[in-house]
């Protein structure tokens, strides 16, 4: 009986030593994979200066003429709003009623907070203290080339930041076209109305006076 007890204790001790050795071996294996080489290697942090390159910058600039995939923009008018470097006063594609509707919808989303729905520059955030943009109805903006508005949307101007990341080029042109509509609506004359529509305006204008003359009212 004593012999069995001794053998049991001996086997238990051997088992514990085996488990300890296995645990130490596993720990050594894990720790051997935690080398710090990648952590402490020589490297530069973003925007860090360096004397290795002549320009003092550690970040290398793209090779001149490099074009990102899908960003080859050869149409100067469509992508910059300019022709031979000057702001253009023509559109790169015919503006249809659908384009104007799209322009109005995009304008209402992105422009009205500052410029309001009429283009006066009295949007809600302006009423809350944001710097007021100029009215689209000022003479200098009424006569500005349409490419000017496209360029401002693209590049920003003054307190206005660029919307290039939010509004695609075609929609920038549609918004510019809608701005022209706002300007025309404020400054239109009877000569701007198509002849076949003028009779309707004349009839509407004369209706109140006719009602007064006959003594009739709604």
Protein backbone atom coordinates (compact mmCIF):
# COMPACT_ATOMS: atom_id res chain seq x y z
CA UNK A 1 0.00 0.00 0.00
CA UNK A 2 2.84 2.42 0.95
CA UNK A 3 4.50 1.61 -2.32
CA UNK A 4 1.36 2.62 -4.29
CA UNK A 5 1.13 5.89 -2.38
CA UNK A 6 4.77 6.73 -3.16
CA UNK A 7 4.31 5.93 -6.83
CA UNK A 8 1.17 8.11 -6.98
CA UNK A 9 2.99 11.08 -5.45
CA UNK A 10 5.95 10.55 -7.79
CA UNK A 11 3.74 10.46 -10.87
CA UNK A 12 1.83 13.55 -9.72
CA UNK A 13 5.07 15.48 -9.25
CA UNK A 14 6.31 14.42 -12.68
CA UNK A 15 2.99 15.53 -14.19
CA UNK A 16 3.21 18.95 -12.55
CA UNK A 17 6.79 19.42 -13.71
CA UNK A 18 5.72 18.44 -17.22
CA UNK A 19 2.89 20.96 -17.23
CA UNK A 20 5.25 23.67 -15.93
CA UNK A 21 7.83 22.90 -18.59
CA UNK A 22 5.18 22.94 -21.29
CA UNK A 23 3.87 26.28 -20.02
CA UNK A 24 7.34 27.79 -19.94
CA UNK A 25 8.03 26.51 -23.42
CA UNK A 26 4.81 28.02 -24.78
CA UNK A 27 5.55 31.34 -23.08
CA UNK A 28 9.05 31.39 -24.58
CA UNK A 29 7.60 30.67 -28.01
CA UNK A 30 5.07 33.52 -27.72
CA UNK A 31 7.58 36.01 -26.38
CA UNK A 32 10.03 35.18 -29.13
CA UNK A 33 7.46 36.59 -31.61
CA UNK A 34 7.25 39.95 -29.78
CA UNK A 35 10.43 41.38 -31.16
CA UNK A 36 10.54 45.19 -31.16
CA UNK A 37 12.42 45.57 -34.43
CA UNK A 38 9.40 46.99 -36.33
CA UNK A 39 8.60 49.32 -33.46
CA UNK A 40 12.01 50.84 -32.91
CA UNK A 41 13.23 50.80 -36.52
CA UNK A 42 14.48 54.09 -37.99
CA UNK A 43 11.51 55.86 -39.59
CA UNK A 44 9.91 59.22 -40.20
CA UNK A 45 6.55 60.35 -38.90
CA UNK A 46 4.10 62.14 -41.27
CA UNK A 47 5.22 65.69 -42.15
CA UNK A 48 8.49 65.24 -40.25
CA UNK A 49 11.47 67.21 -41.53
CA UNK A 50 14.60 65.51 -42.79
CA UNK A 51 18.02 66.49 -44.04
CA UNK A 52 18.21 63.41 -46.26
CA UNK A 53 16.36 65.04 -49.16
CA UNK A 54 17.25 68.42 -50.59
CA UNK A 55 13.77 69.89 -50.04
CA UNK A 56 13.82 68.98 -46.34
CA UNK A 57 10.63 66.94 -46.56
CA UNK A 58 10.50 63.26 -45.77
CA UNK A 59 7.36 62.72 -47.90
CA UNK A 60 8.08 62.43 -51.59
CA UNK A 61 5.94 64.40 -54.02
CA UNK A 62 4.38 62.79 -57.13
CA UNK A 63 6.44 62.92 -60.28
CA UNK A 64 5.42 65.99 -62.33
CA UNK A 65 2.66 65.07 -64.73
CA UNK A 66 1.43 62.17 -62.59
CA UNK A 67 -2.30 61.57 -63.00
CA UNK A 68 -4.32 59.51 -60.53
CA UNK A 69 -6.33 56.69 -62.04
CA UNK A 70 -9.61 58.04 -63.38
CA UNK A 71 -8.50 61.67 -62.97
CA UNK A 72 -7.26 62.46 -66.48
CA UNK A 73 -9.07 65.74 -67.11
CA UNK A 74 -8.32 67.03 -70.57
CA UNK A 75 -11.49 69.13 -70.97
CA UNK A 76 -10.37 72.48 -69.57
CA UNK A 77 -13.81 74.08 -69.76
CA UNK A 78 -15.69 71.24 -68.10
CA UNK A 79 -13.23 70.68 -65.26
CA UNK A 80 -11.92 74.19 -64.59
CA UNK A 81 -14.60 76.57 -65.89
CA UNK A 82 -12.00 78.29 -68.04
CA UNK A 83 -10.97 78.60 -71.67
CA UNK A 84 -7.28 79.27 -72.25
CA UNK A 85 -6.96 80.17 -68.58
CA UNK A 86 -9.78 82.75 -68.57
CA UNK A 87 -13.17 82.30 -66.90
CA UNK A 88 -15.61 81.10 -69.54
CA UNK A 89 -19.05 82.52 -70.17
CA UNK A 90 -20.37 79.41 -71.90
CA UNK A 91 -21.49 76.02 -70.65
CA UNK A 92 -19.67 72.80 -71.62
CA UNK A 93 -22.99 71.10 -72.45
CA UNK A 94 -26.50 72.27 -73.41
CA UNK A 95 -28.54 73.23 -70.35
CA UNK A 96 -32.00 71.66 -70.42
CA UNK A 97 -34.96 72.08 -68.09
CA UNK A 98 -33.93 68.86 -66.37
CA UNK A 99 -30.48 70.33 -65.78
CA UNK A 100 -32.04 73.43 -64.22
CA UNK A 101 -34.23 71.29 -61.99
CA UNK A 102 -31.20 69.31 -60.90
CA UNK A 103 -29.28 72.56 -60.36
CA UNK A 104 -32.11 73.95 -58.23
CA UNK A 105 -32.20 70.78 -56.13
CA UNK A 106 -28.42 70.81 -55.56
CA UNK A 107 -28.45 74.55 -54.90
CA UNK A 108 -31.13 74.11 -52.26
CA UNK A 109 -29.07 71.40 -50.56
CA UNK A 110 -25.62 73.00 -50.57
CA UNK A 111 -26.00 76.74 -51.19
CA UNK A 112 -29.09 77.97 -49.37
CA UNK A 113 -27.59 77.79 -45.84
CA UNK A 114 -25.50 80.84 -46.79
CA UNK A 115 -26.99 82.26 -49.99
CA UNK A 116 -30.69 81.60 -49.16
CA UNK A 117 -33.27 80.48 -51.72
CA UNK A 118 -33.24 83.77 -53.64
CA UNK A 119 -29.49 84.38 -53.78
CA UNK A 120 -29.53 87.45 -51.51
CA UNK A 121 -26.89 85.99 -49.18
CA UNK A 122 -29.16 85.92 -46.14
CA UNK A 123 -29.23 82.20 -45.37
CA UNK A 124 -29.96 80.73 -41.96
CA UNK A 125 -26.36 80.41 -40.81
CA UNK A 126 -25.75 84.01 -41.86
CA UNK A 127 -28.65 85.01 -39.63
CA UNK A 128 -26.84 83.15 -36.84
CA UNK A 129 -23.61 85.11 -37.22
CA UNK A 130 -21.73 83.54 -40.14
CA UNK A 131 -20.12 86.08 -42.52
CA UNK A 132 -22.60 87.15 -45.19
CA UNK A 133 -21.72 86.28 -48.80
CA UNK A 134 -22.39 88.87 -51.52
CA UNK A 135 -25.77 88.86 -53.21
CA UNK A 136 -25.89 87.24 -56.64
CA UNK A 137 -27.88 90.27 -57.74
CA UNK A 138 -25.02 92.73 -57.40
CA UNK A 139 -24.03 94.17 -60.80
CA UNK A 140 -20.54 92.67 -60.65
CA UNK A 141 -21.93 89.16 -60.14
CA UNK A 142 -24.76 89.57 -62.61
CA UNK A 143 -22.14 90.27 -65.27
CA UNK A 144 -19.60 87.71 -64.01
CA UNK A 145 -18.88 84.83 -66.41
CA UNK A 146 -20.69 81.63 -65.54
CA UNK A 147 -17.28 79.97 -65.21
CA UNK A 148 -16.69 82.20 -62.19
CA UNK A 149 -19.44 80.47 -60.22
CA UNK A 150 -18.18 77.06 -61.29
CA UNK A 151 -14.69 78.00 -60.12
CA UNK A 152 -15.90 79.24 -56.73
CA UNK A 153 -17.81 76.01 -56.15
CA UNK A 154 -14.72 74.04 -57.15
CA UNK A 155 -12.00 75.98 -55.34
CA UNK A 156 -13.79 77.98 -52.68
CA UNK A 157 -13.56 81.74 -52.24
CA UNK A 158 -13.05 83.86 -49.12
CA UNK A 159 -14.84 82.22 -46.19
CA UNK A 160 -16.41 79.64 -48.50
CA UNK A 161 -14.53 76.36 -48.70
CA UNK A 162 -14.30 74.11 -51.73
CA UNK A 163 -17.29 71.91 -52.53
CA UNK A 164 -15.37 69.83 -55.07
CA UNK A 165 -15.52 66.77 -52.83
CA UNK A 166 -19.28 67.13 -52.40
CA UNK A 167 -20.55 68.23 -55.79
CA UNK A 168 -19.50 66.53 -59.03
CA UNK A 169 -18.41 68.73 -61.95
CA UNK A 170 -21.62 68.34 -63.98
CA UNK A 171 -23.73 69.39 -60.99
CA UNK A 172 -21.50 72.42 -60.41
CA UNK A 173 -22.41 73.59 -63.89
CA UNK A 174 -26.08 72.95 -63.22
CA UNK A 175 -25.91 75.00 -60.03
CA UNK A 176 -24.18 77.80 -61.95
CA UNK A 177 -27.00 77.66 -64.50
CA UNK A 178 -29.58 77.90 -61.73
CA UNK A 179 -27.78 80.92 -60.28
CA UNK A 180 -28.23 82.53 -63.68
CA UNK A 181 -31.95 81.73 -63.41
CA UNK A 182 -32.11 83.47 -60.01
CA UNK A 183 -30.35 86.50 -61.44
CA UNK A 184 -32.64 86.65 -64.43
CA UNK A 185 -35.76 86.26 -62.31
CA UNK A 186 -34.81 89.35 -60.32
CA UNK A 187 -33.80 91.50 -63.25
CA UNK A 188 -35.93 90.28 -66.15
CA UNK A 189 -37.84 92.69 -68.40
CA UNK A 190 -40.90 92.15 -70.55
CA UNK A 191 -38.64 91.76 -73.55
CA UNK A 192 -37.17 88.62 -71.95
CA UNK A 193 -40.59 86.94 -72.00
CA UNK A 194 -41.34 84.86 -75.13
CA UNK A 195 -43.91 86.64 -77.32
CA UNK A 196 -46.48 83.86 -76.98
CA UNK A 197 -46.36 84.22 -73.19
CA UNK A 198 -46.62 88.00 -73.04
CA UNK A 199 -50.36 87.98 -73.72
CA UNK A 200 -50.87 85.90 -70.57
CA UNK A 201 -48.96 88.46 -68.53
CA UNK A 202 -50.93 91.29 -70.08
CA UNK A 203 -54.19 89.53 -69.25
CA UNK A 204 -53.08 88.90 -65.67
CA UNK A 205 -51.96 92.51 -65.27
CA UNK A 206 -55.23 93.92 -66.56
CA UNK A 207 -57.50 91.59 -64.55
CA UNK A 208 -57.48 93.63 -61.29
CA UNK A 209 -58.23 96.90 -63.06
CA UNK A 210 -61.07 95.24 -65.00
CA UNK A 211 -62.58 93.91 -61.78
CA UNK A 212 -62.43 97.35 -60.17
CA UNK A 213 -64.05 98.96 -63.22
CA UNK A 214 -66.98 96.57 -63.16
CA UNK A 215 -67.30 96.59 -59.40
CA UNK A 216 -66.80 92.82 -59.24
CA UNK A 217 -64.61 91.17 -56.65
CA UNK A 218 -63.68 87.68 -55.61
